[in-house]
Amino acid sequence: MKAEREKILTLVDKAIVSGARRSRCCEVVGLDERTLQRWRGSELGEDGRHGPATEPANKLSASERPKQIVPLLADREQYVASESSFYRVLREAGQMSHREPSKAAARVRPRELVADGPGQIWSWDITYLCSPVRGSFYYLYMFEDVWSRKIVGWEVHEQESMDLSSELMRKLAHREGIDLGDLVLHSDNGGPMKGATMLATLEHLGIVASFSRPSVSNDNPYSESLFRTMKYRPAYPQRPFASIDEARTWVASFVRWYNEEHLHSAIGFVTPQQRHEHADVKILQDRKRVYEAARRRNPKRWSGKVRNWDRVERVWLNPESVKTPAEDIMAEAA
C-alpha cells in the first residue's frame, strides 16, 4: 500500500512539473485533493488521522463490557469453538432473546363482547373541537350505545378531566336507569378513561370497565367511527368555534340529527333512536313486506331474493373471529 501511494505521488509530481493542474491530476487517478495533501504531509505516506481527542460520553467502561467466552476459554488454554458457533448454539437454544424484567408487556387483545339489546355495552371517547385561540381546544365527551348506536350522552368542556368524565358518567347512569352489573363501558387508554376517579365511579355504579390496547385505535371502533361521521359532515364548521356556547349548540344539533334522522347503515338503515326504542322491528318488517309485494307484482324484475331487511340482533365489540357482513363491526360504515 505504501509503495502504491509513493508511485501515485511521483506520477502526480511529474505531471505538475510538465504543466498539468493538480485538480486534473487527482481527477485522473481518482483521488480527492485533500487525500493527496494528507499523503504529502505524512513521511510514510500513511493516513495521519487519529479520530477525536476525547472518548464518547456513552462509551462502555471496562466493567460494563460483556464477558466474552472465547477469550476466557483461551486464557484457560481451552478451545471449544469460534464465537459464531457459540452464538449459533445460543440462538438454537432460544437464549438470544431479551430476558430482563423491563421487557415490554405483550398487548393482549381485549376480550370479545356482544350485545343483543340497549344498555349492555357503551363506548366513549373525547375529541378536540377548535377554539378561537390557536393551540387551545374545547373537549367533547361523548358516550354511545354500541348496540343501537344512539348517543346517550355528551358534554363540551374547556378541559380534559377524569373528574368531569366521572360526573357525566354518574348522571348518564342515573338518567338511563342502568342496572348494576349490566353495563360494560369501553374506552381507550387515555387519562380521563383510566383515572382513579373514573374507575372508582364505575366500581361504585357496578359498571364493568373495558379498555383498548395501548395505541390501537381499532379496539374502540364505534367512537372512532362516530367522531369521523361528525367531523366529515358537510355541516361541520370549517372555522373554529367562536365560543364554548357555540360549540355546545352545534354539537346539540348534530346529536339530534344523528339520533333521530341519520339512517345508520350498520343497523339496517334505521335511526339509532328507532333501534334504541325497538321501533325498528316494525319498520324493517314493513320494508320487507313492500319488497315482497313488489316482486309478486313484477317477478321478472327479480332474479333472486329481495333485499335483506332482517334485523341485526347482535353486535360485537372486538370479535375473536369474523362474523357475518351485517355483524362485522370492523367493516361497518357509520
C-alpha atoms as a PDB file:
ATOM      1  CA  MET A   1       0.000   0.000   0.000  1.00  0.00           C
ATOM      2  CA  LYS A   2       2.867   2.350   0.853  1.00  0.00           C
ATOM      3  CA  ALA A   3       4.632   1.629  -2.450  1.00  0.00           C
ATOM      4  CA  GLU A   4       1.447   2.316  -4.435  1.00  0.00           C
ATOM      5  CA  ARG A   5       0.940   5.684  -2.753  1.00  0.00           C
ATOM      6  CA  GLU A   6       4.549   6.712  -3.395  1.00  0.00           C
ATOM      7  CA  LYS A   7       4.141   5.745  -7.061  1.00  0.00           C
ATOM      8  CA  ILE A   8       0.980   7.843  -7.364  1.00  0.00           C
ATOM      9  CA  LEU A   9       2.680  10.834  -5.713  1.00  0.00           C
ATOM     10  CA  THR A  10       5.644  10.516  -8.110  1.00  0.00           C
ATOM     11  CA  LEU A  11       3.379  10.426 -11.174  1.00  0.00           C
ATOM     12  CA  VAL A  12       1.376  13.436  -9.962  1.00  0.00           C
ATOM     13  CA  ASP A  13       4.591  15.404  -9.313  1.00  0.00           C
ATOM     14  CA  LYS A  14       5.873  14.688 -12.836  1.00  0.00           C
ATOM     15  CA  ALA A  15       2.559  15.758 -14.359  1.00  0.00           C
ATOM     16  CA  ILE A  16       2.507  19.015 -12.392  1.00  0.00           C
ATOM     17  CA  VAL A  17       6.104  19.793 -13.442  1.00  0.00           C
ATOM     18  CA  SER A  18       5.008  19.254 -17.063  1.00  0.00           C
ATOM     19  CA  GLY A  19       2.292  21.901 -16.641  1.00  0.00           C
ATOM     20  CA  ALA A  20      -0.779  19.858 -15.569  1.00  0.00           C
ATOM     21  CA  ARG A  21      -3.116  21.162 -12.879  1.00  0.00           C
ATOM     22  CA  ARG A  22      -3.249  19.356  -9.570  1.00  0.00           C
ATOM     23  CA  SER A  23      -7.053  19.077  -9.640  1.00  0.00           C
ATOM     24  CA  ARG A  24      -6.924  17.439 -13.061  1.00  0.00           C
ATOM     25  CA  CYS A  25      -4.246  15.009 -11.918  1.00  0.00           C
ATOM     26  CA  CYS A  26      -6.339  13.984  -8.902  1.00  0.00           C
ATOM     27  CA  GLU A  27      -9.382  13.509 -11.142  1.00  0.00           C
ATOM     28  CA  VAL A  28      -7.417  11.205 -13.450  1.00  0.00           C
ATOM     29  CA  VAL A  29      -6.063   8.994 -10.648  1.00  0.00           C
ATOM     30  CA  GLY A  30      -9.387   9.038  -8.760  1.00  0.00           C
ATOM     31  CA  LEU A  31      -8.222  10.878  -5.651  1.00  0.00           C
ATOM     32  CA  ASP A  32      -9.527  13.842  -3.717  1.00  0.00           C
ATOM     33  CA  GLU A  33      -7.093  16.753  -3.377  1.00  0.00           C
ATOM     34  CA  ARG A  34      -7.418  16.589   0.408  1.00  0.00           C
ATOM     35  CA  THR A  35      -6.266  12.963   0.318  1.00  0.00           C
ATOM     36  CA  LEU A  36      -3.259  13.921  -1.754  1.00  0.00           C
ATOM     37  CA  GLN A  37      -2.401  16.630   0.763  1.00  0.00           C
ATOM     38  CA  ARG A  38      -2.585  14.166   3.672  1.00  0.00           C
ATOM     39  CA  TRP A  39      -0.301  11.769   1.857  1.00  0.00           C
ATOM     40  CA  ARG A  40       2.240  14.519   1.294  1.00  0.00           C
ATOM     41  CA  GLY A  41       2.069  15.576   4.949  1.00  0.00           C
ATOM     42  CA  SER A  42       2.949  12.089   6.173  1.00  0.00           C
ATOM     43  CA  GLU A  43       6.528  10.919   5.954  1.00  0.00           C
ATOM     44  CA  LEU A  44       5.495   7.324   5.395  1.00  0.00           C
ATOM     45  CA  GLY A  45       2.508   8.114   3.270  1.00  0.00           C
ATOM     46  CA  GLU A  46       0.099   6.754   5.927  1.00  0.00           C
ATOM     47  CA  ASP A  47      -3.241   8.294   6.913  1.00  0.00           C
ATOM     48  CA  GLY A  48      -2.483  10.742   9.718  1.00  0.00           C
ATOM     49  CA  ARG A  49      -5.999  10.974  11.078  1.00  0.00           C
ATOM     50  CA  HIS A  50      -6.330   9.803  14.694  1.00  0.00           C
ATOM     51  CA  GLY A  51     -10.029  10.397  15.410  1.00  0.00           C
ATOM     52  CA  PRO A  52     -11.432  12.576  18.209  1.00  0.00           C
ATOM     53  CA  ALA A  53      -9.198  13.578  21.080  1.00  0.00           C
ATOM     54  CA  THR A  54     -11.792  12.608  23.696  1.00  0.00           C
ATOM     55  CA  GLU A  55     -13.789   9.401  24.162  1.00  0.00           C
ATOM     56  CA  PRO A  56     -17.566   9.406  23.569  1.00  0.00           C
ATOM     57  CA  ALA A  57     -19.602  10.120  26.692  1.00  0.00           C
ATOM     58  CA  ASN A  58     -21.658   6.975  26.173  1.00  0.00           C
ATOM     59  CA  LYS A  59     -18.681   4.628  25.784  1.00  0.00           C
ATOM     60  CA  LEU A  60     -18.943   1.495  27.912  1.00  0.00           C
ATOM     61  CA  SER A  61     -16.450   1.170  30.733  1.00  0.00           C
ATOM     62  CA  ALA A  62     -14.341  -1.959  31.104  1.00  0.00           C
ATOM     63  CA  SER A  63     -16.632  -3.261  33.851  1.00  0.00           C
ATOM     64  CA  GLU A  64     -19.707  -2.697  31.694  1.00  0.00           C
ATOM     65  CA  ARG A  65     -18.450  -4.617  28.691  1.00  0.00           C
ATOM     66  CA  PRO A  66     -19.932  -8.086  28.391  1.00  0.00           C
ATOM     67  CA  LYS A  67     -17.658 -11.039  29.071  1.00  0.00           C
ATOM     68  CA  GLN A  68     -16.568 -12.985  26.019  1.00  0.00           C
ATOM     69  CA  ILE A  69     -16.471 -16.694  26.451  1.00  0.00           C
ATOM     70  CA  VAL A  70     -13.908 -17.324  23.716  1.00  0.00           C
ATOM     71  CA  PRO A  71     -11.132 -15.151  25.260  1.00  0.00           C
ATOM     72  CA  LEU A  72     -11.894 -16.557  28.691  1.00  0.00           C
ATOM     73  CA  LEU A  73     -11.516 -20.093  27.418  1.00  0.00           C
ATOM     74  CA  ALA A  74      -8.324 -19.121  25.591  1.00  0.00           C
ATOM     75  CA  ASP A  75      -6.909 -17.744  28.840  1.00  0.00           C
ATOM     76  CA  ARG A  76      -7.568 -21.168  30.330  1.00  0.00           C
ATOM     77  CA  GLU A  77      -5.745 -22.783  27.390  1.00  0.00           C
ATOM     78  CA  GLN A  78      -9.002 -24.217  26.078  1.00  0.00           C
ATOM     79  CA  TYR A  79     -10.594 -24.087  22.646  1.00  0.00           C
ATOM     80  CA  VAL A  80     -14.149 -25.306  22.136  1.00  0.00           C
ATOM     81  CA  ALA A  81     -15.492 -23.376  19.146  1.00  0.00           C
ATOM     82  CA  SER A  82     -15.472 -19.988  17.455  1.00  0.00           C
ATOM     83  CA  GLU A  83     -17.629 -17.047  18.611  1.00  0.00           C
ATOM     84  CA  SER A  84     -20.024 -17.544  15.688  1.00  0.00           C
ATOM     85  CA  SER A  85     -20.506 -21.178  16.736  1.00  0.00           C
ATOM     86  CA  PHE A  86     -21.358 -20.139  20.293  1.00  0.00           C
ATOM     87  CA  TYR A  87     -23.906 -17.609  19.018  1.00  0.00           C
ATOM     88  CA  ARG A  88     -25.454 -20.232  16.756  1.00  0.00           C
ATOM     89  CA  VAL A  89     -25.872 -22.629  19.685  1.00  0.00           C
ATOM     90  CA  LEU A  90     -27.406 -19.849  21.823  1.00  0.00           C
ATOM     91  CA  ARG A  91     -29.894 -18.950  19.084  1.00  0.00           C
ATOM     92  CA  GLU A  92     -30.916 -22.590  18.661  1.00  0.00           C
ATOM     93  CA  ALA A  93     -31.497 -22.814  22.422  1.00  0.00           C
ATOM     94  CA  GLY A  94     -33.542 -19.625  22.429  1.00  0.00           C
ATOM     95  CA  GLN A  95     -31.058 -17.824  24.662  1.00  0.00           C
ATOM     96  CA  MET A  96     -30.560 -14.739  22.492  1.00  0.00           C
ATOM     97  CA  SER A  97     -33.892 -13.093  23.339  1.00  0.00           C
ATOM     98  CA  HIS A  98     -34.397 -10.199  25.767  1.00  0.00           C
ATOM     99  CA  ARG A  99     -34.882 -11.606  29.261  1.00  0.00           C
ATOM    100  CA  GLU A 100     -34.785  -8.531  31.526  1.00  0.00           C
ATOM    101  CA  PRO A 101     -37.761  -7.585  33.730  1.00  0.00           C
ATOM    102  CA  SER A 102     -38.043  -4.348  31.735  1.00  0.00           C
ATOM    103  CA  LYS A 103     -39.233  -6.209  28.649  1.00  0.00           C
ATOM    104  CA  ALA A 104     -42.377  -4.607  27.246  1.00  0.00           C
ATOM    105  CA  ALA A 105     -45.568  -6.403  28.179  1.00  0.00           C
ATOM    106  CA  ALA A 106     -47.481  -8.135  25.415  1.00  0.00           C
ATOM    107  CA  ARG A 107     -50.530  -6.292  24.119  1.00  0.00           C
ATOM    108  CA  VAL A 108     -53.311  -8.691  24.983  1.00  0.00           C
ATOM    109  CA  ARG A 109     -56.372  -8.284  22.800  1.00  0.00           C
ATOM    110  CA  PRO A 110     -59.453  -7.141  24.756  1.00  0.00           C
ATOM    111  CA  ARG A 111     -61.981  -9.886  25.393  1.00  0.00           C
ATOM    112  CA  GLU A 112     -64.860 -10.283  22.972  1.00  0.00           C
ATOM    113  CA  LEU A 113     -68.077  -8.541  23.994  1.00  0.00           C
ATOM    114  CA  VAL A 114     -71.522  -8.985  22.482  1.00  0.00           C
ATOM    115  CA  ALA A 115     -74.734  -7.009  22.971  1.00  0.00           C
ATOM    116  CA  ASP A 116     -78.245  -8.071  21.980  1.00  0.00           C
ATOM    117  CA  GLY A 117     -80.057  -5.007  23.307  1.00  0.00           C
ATOM    118  CA  PRO A 118     -79.537  -1.432  24.507  1.00  0.00           C
ATOM    119  CA  GLY A 119     -77.829  -0.605  27.794  1.00  0.00           C
ATOM    120  CA  GLN A 120     -75.343  -3.501  27.642  1.00  0.00           C
ATOM    121  CA  ILE A 121     -72.192  -2.009  26.072  1.00  0.00           C
ATOM    122  CA  TRP A 122     -71.331   1.662  25.827  1.00  0.00           C
ATOM    123  CA  SER A 123     -68.332   3.172  24.080  1.00  0.00           C
ATOM    124  CA  TRP A 124     -66.964   6.604  24.863  1.00  0.00           C
ATOM    125  CA  ASP A 125     -64.129   8.931  23.990  1.00  0.00           C
ATOM    126  CA  ILE A 126     -63.039  12.573  23.969  1.00  0.00           C
ATOM    127  CA  THR A 127     -62.287  14.588  20.828  1.00  0.00           C
ATOM    128  CA  TYR A 128     -60.978  18.077  20.169  1.00  0.00           C
ATOM    129  CA  LEU A 129     -63.048  20.989  18.885  1.00  0.00           C
ATOM    130  CA  CYS A 130     -61.140  24.028  17.635  1.00  0.00           C
ATOM    131  CA  SER A 131     -61.453  27.181  19.700  1.00  0.00           C
ATOM    132  CA  PRO A 132     -60.711  30.774  18.567  1.00  0.00           C
ATOM    133  CA  VAL A 133     -57.329  30.620  20.317  1.00  0.00           C
ATOM    134  CA  ARG A 134     -54.616  28.874  18.298  1.00  0.00           C
ATOM    135  CA  GLY A 135     -53.348  25.788  20.128  1.00  0.00           C
ATOM    136  CA  SER A 136     -56.327  25.779  22.525  1.00  0.00           C
ATOM    137  CA  PHE A 137     -59.308  23.454  22.212  1.00  0.00           C
ATOM    138  CA  TYR A 138     -62.701  22.582  23.585  1.00  0.00           C
ATOM    139  CA  TYR A 139     -63.181  18.947  24.593  1.00  0.00           C
ATOM    140  CA  LEU A 140     -66.218  16.938  23.523  1.00  0.00           C
ATOM    141  CA  TYR A 141     -67.074  14.000  25.824  1.00  0.00           C
ATOM    142  CA  MET A 142     -69.405  11.582  24.041  1.00  0.00           C
ATOM    143  CA  PHE A 143     -70.987   8.256  25.065  1.00  0.00           C
ATOM    144  CA  GLU A 144     -72.598   5.885  22.548  1.00  0.00           C
ATOM    145  CA  ASP A 145     -74.673   2.747  22.988  1.00  0.00           C
ATOM    146  CA  VAL A 146     -72.884   0.111  20.899  1.00  0.00           C
ATOM    147  CA  TRP A 147     -75.996  -1.938  20.107  1.00  0.00           C
ATOM    148  CA  SER A 148     -78.287   0.885  18.996  1.00  0.00           C
ATOM    149  CA  ARG A 149     -75.582   3.446  18.037  1.00  0.00           C
ATOM    150  CA  LYS A 150     -77.549   6.061  19.951  1.00  0.00           C
ATOM    151  CA  ILE A 151     -75.566   8.898  21.503  1.00  0.00           C
ATOM    152  CA  VAL A 152     -76.723   8.515  25.098  1.00  0.00           C
ATOM    153  CA  GLY A 153     -74.841  11.496  26.464  1.00  0.00           C
ATOM    154  CA  TRP A 154     -72.350  14.242  25.734  1.00  0.00           C
ATOM    155  CA  GLU A 155     -70.830  17.418  27.147  1.00  0.00           C
ATOM    156  CA  VAL A 156     -68.354  20.065  25.936  1.00  0.00           C
ATOM    157  CA  HIS A 157     -65.778  21.460  28.385  1.00  0.00           C
ATOM    158  CA  GLU A 158     -62.693  23.630  28.313  1.00  0.00           C
ATOM    159  CA  GLN A 159     -60.504  20.943  29.821  1.00  0.00           C
ATOM    160  CA  GLU A 160     -59.892  17.211  29.688  1.00  0.00           C
ATOM    161  CA  SER A 161     -60.529  15.829  33.154  1.00  0.00           C
ATOM    162  CA  MET A 162     -61.283  12.490  34.767  1.00  0.00           C
ATOM    163  CA  ASP A 163     -63.463  14.312  37.298  1.00  0.00           C
ATOM    164  CA  LEU A 164     -65.672  15.707  34.518  1.00  0.00           C
ATOM    165  CA  SER A 165     -65.937  12.332  32.789  1.00  0.00           C
ATOM    166  CA  SER A 166     -66.734  10.663  36.108  1.00  0.00           C
ATOM    167  CA  GLU A 167     -69.529  13.133  36.900  1.00  0.00           C
ATOM    168  CA  LEU A 168     -71.007  12.790  33.399  1.00  0.00           C
ATOM    169  CA  MET A 169     -70.978   9.001  33.673  1.00  0.00           C
ATOM    170  CA  ARG A 170     -72.768   9.192  37.001  1.00  0.00           C
ATOM    171  CA  LYS A 171     -75.504  11.419  35.511  1.00  0.00           C
ATOM    172  CA  LEU A 172     -75.973   9.199  32.464  1.00  0.00           C
ATOM    173  CA  ALA A 173     -76.236   6.020  34.512  1.00  0.00           C
ATOM    174  CA  HIS A 174     -78.955   7.628  36.633  1.00  0.00           C
ATOM    175  CA  ARG A 175     -80.838   9.078  33.648  1.00  0.00           C
ATOM    176  CA  GLU A 176     -80.735   5.895  31.576  1.00  0.00           C
ATOM    177  CA  GLY A 177     -81.660   3.711  34.532  1.00  0.00           C
ATOM    178  CA  ILE A 178     -78.650   1.428  34.182  1.00  0.00           C
ATOM    179  CA  ASP A 179     -78.960  -1.644  36.393  1.00  0.00           C
ATOM    180  CA  LEU A 180     -75.931  -2.538  38.470  1.00  0.00           C
ATOM    181  CA  GLY A 181     -73.702  -5.052  36.754  1.00  0.00           C
ATOM    182  CA  ASP A 182     -75.485  -4.871  33.386  1.00  0.00           C
ATOM    183  CA  LEU A 183     -73.276  -2.351  31.582  1.00  0.00           C
ATOM    184  CA  VAL A 184     -69.756  -2.610  30.147  1.00  0.00           C
ATOM    185  CA  LEU A 185     -68.113   0.738  29.385  1.00  0.00           C
ATOM    186  CA  HIS A 186     -65.412   0.561  26.717  1.00  0.00           C
ATOM    187  CA  SER A 187     -62.797   3.232  26.012  1.00  0.00           C
ATOM    188  CA  ASP A 188     -59.185   3.764  25.047  1.00  0.00           C
ATOM    189  CA  ASN A 189     -56.301   4.228  27.499  1.00  0.00           C
ATOM    190  CA  GLY A 190     -56.463   7.996  27.988  1.00  0.00           C
ATOM    191  CA  GLY A 191     -56.035   9.628  31.397  1.00  0.00           C
ATOM    192  CA  PRO A 192     -59.706  10.583  31.843  1.00  0.00           C
ATOM    193  CA  MET A 193     -60.671   6.994  30.990  1.00  0.00           C
ATOM    194  CA  LYS A 194     -58.305   5.202  33.379  1.00  0.00           C
ATOM    195  CA  GLY A 195     -58.068   7.849  36.106  1.00  0.00           C
ATOM    196  CA  ALA A 196     -58.701   6.795  39.691  1.00  0.00           C
ATOM    197  CA  THR A 197     -61.823   8.952  39.992  1.00  0.00           C
ATOM    198  CA  MET A 198     -63.417   7.461  36.881  1.00  0.00           C
ATOM    199  CA  LEU A 199     -62.585   3.889  37.883  1.00  0.00           C
ATOM    200  CA  ALA A 200     -63.941   4.477  41.387  1.00  0.00           C
ATOM    201  CA  THR A 201     -67.188   5.831  39.918  1.00  0.00           C
ATOM    202  CA  LEU A 202     -67.592   2.812  37.653  1.00  0.00           C
ATOM    203  CA  GLU A 203     -66.955   0.452  40.553  1.00  0.00           C
ATOM    204  CA  HIS A 204     -69.473   2.305  42.708  1.00  0.00           C
ATOM    205  CA  LEU A 205     -72.088   2.111  39.942  1.00  0.00           C
ATOM    206  CA  GLY A 206     -71.377  -1.549  39.270  1.00  0.00           C
ATOM    207  CA  ILE A 207     -70.213  -0.846  35.717  1.00  0.00           C
ATOM    208  CA  VAL A 208     -67.508  -3.034  34.184  1.00  0.00           C
ATOM    209  CA  ALA A 209     -64.620  -1.136  32.542  1.00  0.00           C
ATOM    210  CA  SER A 210     -63.133  -2.333  29.244  1.00  0.00           C
ATOM    211  CA  PHE A 211     -60.064  -0.796  27.588  1.00  0.00           C
ATOM    212  CA  SER A 212     -58.350  -0.837  24.219  1.00  0.00           C
ATOM    213  CA  ARG A 213     -54.774  -1.953  23.810  1.00  0.00           C
ATOM    214  CA  PRO A 214     -52.284   0.928  24.025  1.00  0.00           C
ATOM    215  CA  SER A 215     -52.013   2.807  20.710  1.00  0.00           C
ATOM    216  CA  VAL A 216     -54.540   0.546  18.967  1.00  0.00           C
ATOM    217  CA  SER A 217     -57.442   2.735  17.864  1.00  0.00           C
ATOM    218  CA  ASN A 218     -59.255  -0.152  16.120  1.00  0.00           C
ATOM    219  CA  ASP A 219     -60.043  -1.601  19.546  1.00  0.00           C
ATOM    220  CA  ASN A 220     -62.501   1.272  20.021  1.00  0.00           C
ATOM    221  CA  PRO A 221     -64.100   1.398  16.549  1.00  0.00           C
ATOM    222  CA  TYR A 222     -67.528   2.735  17.483  1.00  0.00           C
ATOM    223  CA  SER A 223     -66.374   6.013  18.988  1.00  0.00           C
ATOM    224  CA  GLU A 224     -63.780   6.474  16.239  1.00  0.00           C
ATOM    225  CA  SER A 225     -66.465   5.946  13.590  1.00  0.00           C
ATOM    226  CA  LEU A 226     -68.867   8.319  15.347  1.00  0.00           C
ATOM    227  CA  PHE A 227     -66.319  11.128  15.522  1.00  0.00           C
ATOM    228  CA  ARG A 228     -65.398  10.579  11.879  1.00  0.00           C
ATOM    229  CA  THR A 229     -69.049  10.863  10.876  1.00  0.00           C
ATOM    230  CA  MET A 230     -69.344  14.080  12.856  1.00  0.00           C
ATOM    231  CA  LYS A 231     -66.224  15.793  11.518  1.00  0.00           C
ATOM    232  CA  TYR A 232     -66.677  14.746   7.889  1.00  0.00           C
ATOM    233  CA  ARG A 233     -70.243  16.005   7.628  1.00  0.00           C
ATOM    234  CA  PRO A 234     -70.679  18.946   5.214  1.00  0.00           C
ATOM    235  CA  ALA A 235     -72.318  20.853   8.091  1.00  0.00           C
ATOM    236  CA  TYR A 236     -69.205  20.596  10.285  1.00  0.00           C
ATOM    237  CA  PRO A 237     -67.792  24.146  10.715  1.00  0.00           C
ATOM    238  CA  GLN A 238     -64.747  24.983   8.619  1.00  0.00           C
ATOM    239  CA  ARG A 239     -63.697  27.651  11.100  1.00  0.00           C
ATOM    240  CA  PRO A 240     -63.035  27.432  14.864  1.00  0.00           C
ATOM    241  CA  PHE A 241     -65.986  27.762  17.217  1.00  0.00           C
ATOM    242  CA  ALA A 242     -66.235  31.368  18.423  1.00  0.00           C
ATOM    243  CA  SER A 243     -67.114  30.285  21.964  1.00  0.00           C
ATOM    244  CA  ILE A 244     -67.840  27.214  24.041  1.00  0.00           C
ATOM    245  CA  ASP A 245     -71.552  28.031  23.873  1.00  0.00           C
ATOM    246  CA  GLU A 246     -71.418  27.978  20.077  1.00  0.00           C
ATOM    247  CA  ALA A 247     -69.653  24.609  20.216  1.00  0.00           C
ATOM    248  CA  ARG A 248     -72.316  23.205  22.540  1.00  0.00           C
ATOM    249  CA  THR A 249     -75.123  24.492  20.317  1.00  0.00           C
ATOM    250  CA  TRP A 250     -73.602  22.877  17.244  1.00  0.00           C
ATOM    251  CA  VAL A 251     -72.979  19.532  18.972  1.00  0.00           C
ATOM    252  CA  ALA A 252     -76.591  19.504  20.236  1.00  0.00           C
ATOM    253  CA  SER A 253     -77.866  19.906  16.670  1.00  0.00           C
ATOM    254  CA  PHE A 254     -75.553  17.142  15.448  1.00  0.00           C
ATOM    255  CA  VAL A 255     -76.720  14.756  18.182  1.00  0.00           C
ATOM    256  CA  ARG A 256     -80.376  15.380  17.258  1.00  0.00           C
ATOM    257  CA  TRP A 257     -79.629  14.688  13.606  1.00  0.00           C
ATOM    258  CA  TYR A 258     -77.537  11.582  14.349  1.00  0.00           C
ATOM    259  CA  ASN A 259     -80.025  10.029  16.754  1.00  0.00           C
ATOM    260  CA  GLU A 260     -83.286  10.962  15.072  1.00  0.00           C
ATOM    261  CA  GLU A 261     -82.613  11.440  11.330  1.00  0.00           C
ATOM    262  CA  HIS A 262     -79.441   9.587  10.376  1.00  0.00           C
ATOM    263  CA  LEU A 263     -80.229   6.203   8.747  1.00  0.00           C
ATOM    264  CA  HIS A 264     -77.327   4.117  10.016  1.00  0.00           C
ATOM    265  CA  SER A 265     -76.123   1.529   7.506  1.00  0.00           C
ATOM    266  CA  ALA A 266     -74.818  -0.959  10.101  1.00  0.00           C
ATOM    267  CA  ILE A 267     -78.204  -1.338  11.815  1.00  0.00           C
ATOM    268  CA  GLY A 268     -80.413  -1.752   8.737  1.00  0.00           C
ATOM    269  CA  PHE A 269     -80.761   1.912   7.758  1.00  0.00           C
ATOM    270  CA  VAL A 270     -82.883   2.930  10.709  1.00  0.00           C
ATOM    271  CA  THR A 271     -82.084   5.758  13.104  1.00  0.00           C
ATOM    272  CA  PRO A 272     -80.284   4.989  16.361  1.00  0.00           C
ATOM    273  CA  GLN A 273     -83.319   6.320  18.273  1.00  0.00           C
ATOM    274  CA  GLN A 274     -85.668   3.943  16.451  1.00  0.00           C
ATOM    275  CA  ARG A 275     -83.442   0.976  17.192  1.00  0.00           C
ATOM    276  CA  HIS A 276     -82.897   2.038  20.804  1.00  0.00           C
ATOM    277  CA  GLU A 277     -86.668   2.083  21.343  1.00  0.00           C
ATOM    278  CA  HIS A 278     -87.197  -1.156  19.313  1.00  0.00           C
ATOM    279  CA  ALA A 279     -89.305   0.744  16.764  1.00  0.00           C
ATOM    280  CA  ASP A 280     -87.015  -0.679  14.079  1.00  0.00           C
ATOM    281  CA  VAL A 281     -88.712  -4.083  14.311  1.00  0.00           C
ATOM    282  CA  LYS A 282     -91.909  -2.862  12.630  1.00  0.00           C
ATOM    283  CA  ILE A 283     -90.037  -0.581  10.216  1.00  0.00           C
ATOM    284  CA  LEU A 284     -87.920  -3.447   8.889  1.00  0.00           C
ATOM    285  CA  GLN A 285     -90.909  -5.788   8.684  1.00  0.00           C
ATOM    286  CA  ASP A 286     -92.842  -3.186   6.681  1.00  0.00           C
ATOM    287  CA  ARG A 287     -89.920  -2.722   4.289  1.00  0.00           C
ATOM    288  CA  LYS A 288     -89.683  -6.455   3.741  1.00  0.00           C
ATOM    289  CA  ARG A 289     -93.404  -6.659   3.050  1.00  0.00           C
ATOM    290  CA  VAL A 290     -93.172  -3.827   0.478  1.00  0.00           C
ATOM    291  CA  TYR A 291     -90.361  -5.563  -1.382  1.00  0.00           C
ATOM    292  CA  GLU A 292     -92.087  -8.946  -1.399  1.00  0.00           C
ATOM    293  CA  ALA A 293     -95.289  -7.345  -2.759  1.00  0.00           C
ATOM    294  CA  ALA A 294     -93.295  -5.611  -5.494  1.00  0.00           C
ATOM    295  CA  ARG A 295     -91.728  -8.914  -6.529  1.00  0.00           C
ATOM    296  CA  ARG A 296     -95.124 -10.581  -6.717  1.00  0.00           C
ATOM    297  CA  ARG A 297     -96.434  -7.780  -8.946  1.00  0.00           C
ATOM    298  CA  ASN A 298     -93.495  -7.933 -11.314  1.00  0.00           C
ATOM    299  CA  PRO A 299     -91.470 -11.141 -10.776  1.00  0.00           C
ATOM    300  CA  LYS A 300     -89.429 -10.627 -13.977  1.00  0.00           C
ATOM    301  CA  ARG A 301     -87.572  -7.745 -12.350  1.00  0.00           C
ATOM    302  CA  TRP A 302     -86.214 -10.032  -9.634  1.00  0.00           C
ATOM    303  CA  SER A 303     -83.503 -12.562 -10.418  1.00  0.00           C
ATOM    304  CA  GLY A 304     -83.117 -13.637  -6.819  1.00  0.00           C
ATOM    305  CA  LYS A 305     -84.294 -12.871  -3.324  1.00  0.00           C
ATOM    306  CA  VAL A 306     -85.493  -9.447  -2.252  1.00  0.00           C
ATOM    307  CA  ARG A 307     -83.177  -7.187  -0.319  1.00  0.00           C
ATOM    308  CA  ASN A 308     -82.327  -8.466   3.144  1.00  0.00           C
ATOM    309  CA  TRP A 309     -84.305  -6.406   5.687  1.00  0.00           C
ATOM    310  CA  ASP A 310     -83.602  -8.756   8.592  1.00  0.00           C
ATOM    311  CA  ARG A 311     -82.806  -7.100  11.872  1.00  0.00           C
ATOM    312  CA  VAL A 312     -79.236  -7.129  13.175  1.00  0.00           C
ATOM    313  CA  GLU A 313     -79.901  -8.768  16.510  1.00  0.00           C
ATOM    314  CA  ARG A 314     -76.389  -8.909  17.965  1.00  0.00           C
ATOM    315  CA  VAL A 315     -73.417  -6.573  17.791  1.00  0.00           C
ATOM    316  CA  TRP A 316     -69.820  -7.494  18.677  1.00  0.00           C
ATOM    317  CA  LEU A 317     -67.004  -5.460  20.129  1.00  0.00           C
ATOM    318  CA  ASN A 318     -63.505  -6.853  19.472  1.00  0.00           C
ATOM    319  CA  PRO A 319     -64.745 -10.117  17.930  1.00  0.00           C
ATOM    320  CA  GLU A 320     -62.374 -13.059  18.111  1.00  0.00           C
ATOM    321  CA  SER A 321     -63.439 -14.263  14.657  1.00  0.00           C
ATOM    322  CA  VAL A 322     -65.038 -12.697  11.586  1.00  0.00           C
ATOM    323  CA  LYS A 323     -68.818 -12.510  11.811  1.00  0.00           C
ATOM    324  CA  THR A 324     -71.366 -12.200   9.041  1.00  0.00           C
ATOM    325  CA  PRO A 325     -71.178  -8.999   6.953  1.00  0.00           C
ATOM    326  CA  ALA A 326     -74.048  -7.435   8.865  1.00  0.00           C
ATOM    327  CA  GLU A 327     -72.344  -8.180  12.164  1.00  0.00           C
ATOM    328  CA  ASP A 328     -68.750  -7.334  11.296  1.00  0.00           C
ATOM    329  CA  ILE A 329     -68.137  -4.164  13.274  1.00  0.00           C
ATOM    330  CA  MET A 330     -64.712  -3.613  11.782  1.00  0.00           C
ATOM    331  CA  ALA A 331     -66.119  -3.125   8.286  1.00  0.00           C
ATOM    332  CA  GLU A 332     -69.102  -1.026   9.188  1.00  0.00           C
ATOM    333  CA  ALA A 333     -69.684   2.499   7.936  1.00  0.00           C
ATOM    334  CA  ALA A 334     -71.282   4.974  10.295  1.00  0.00           C
END
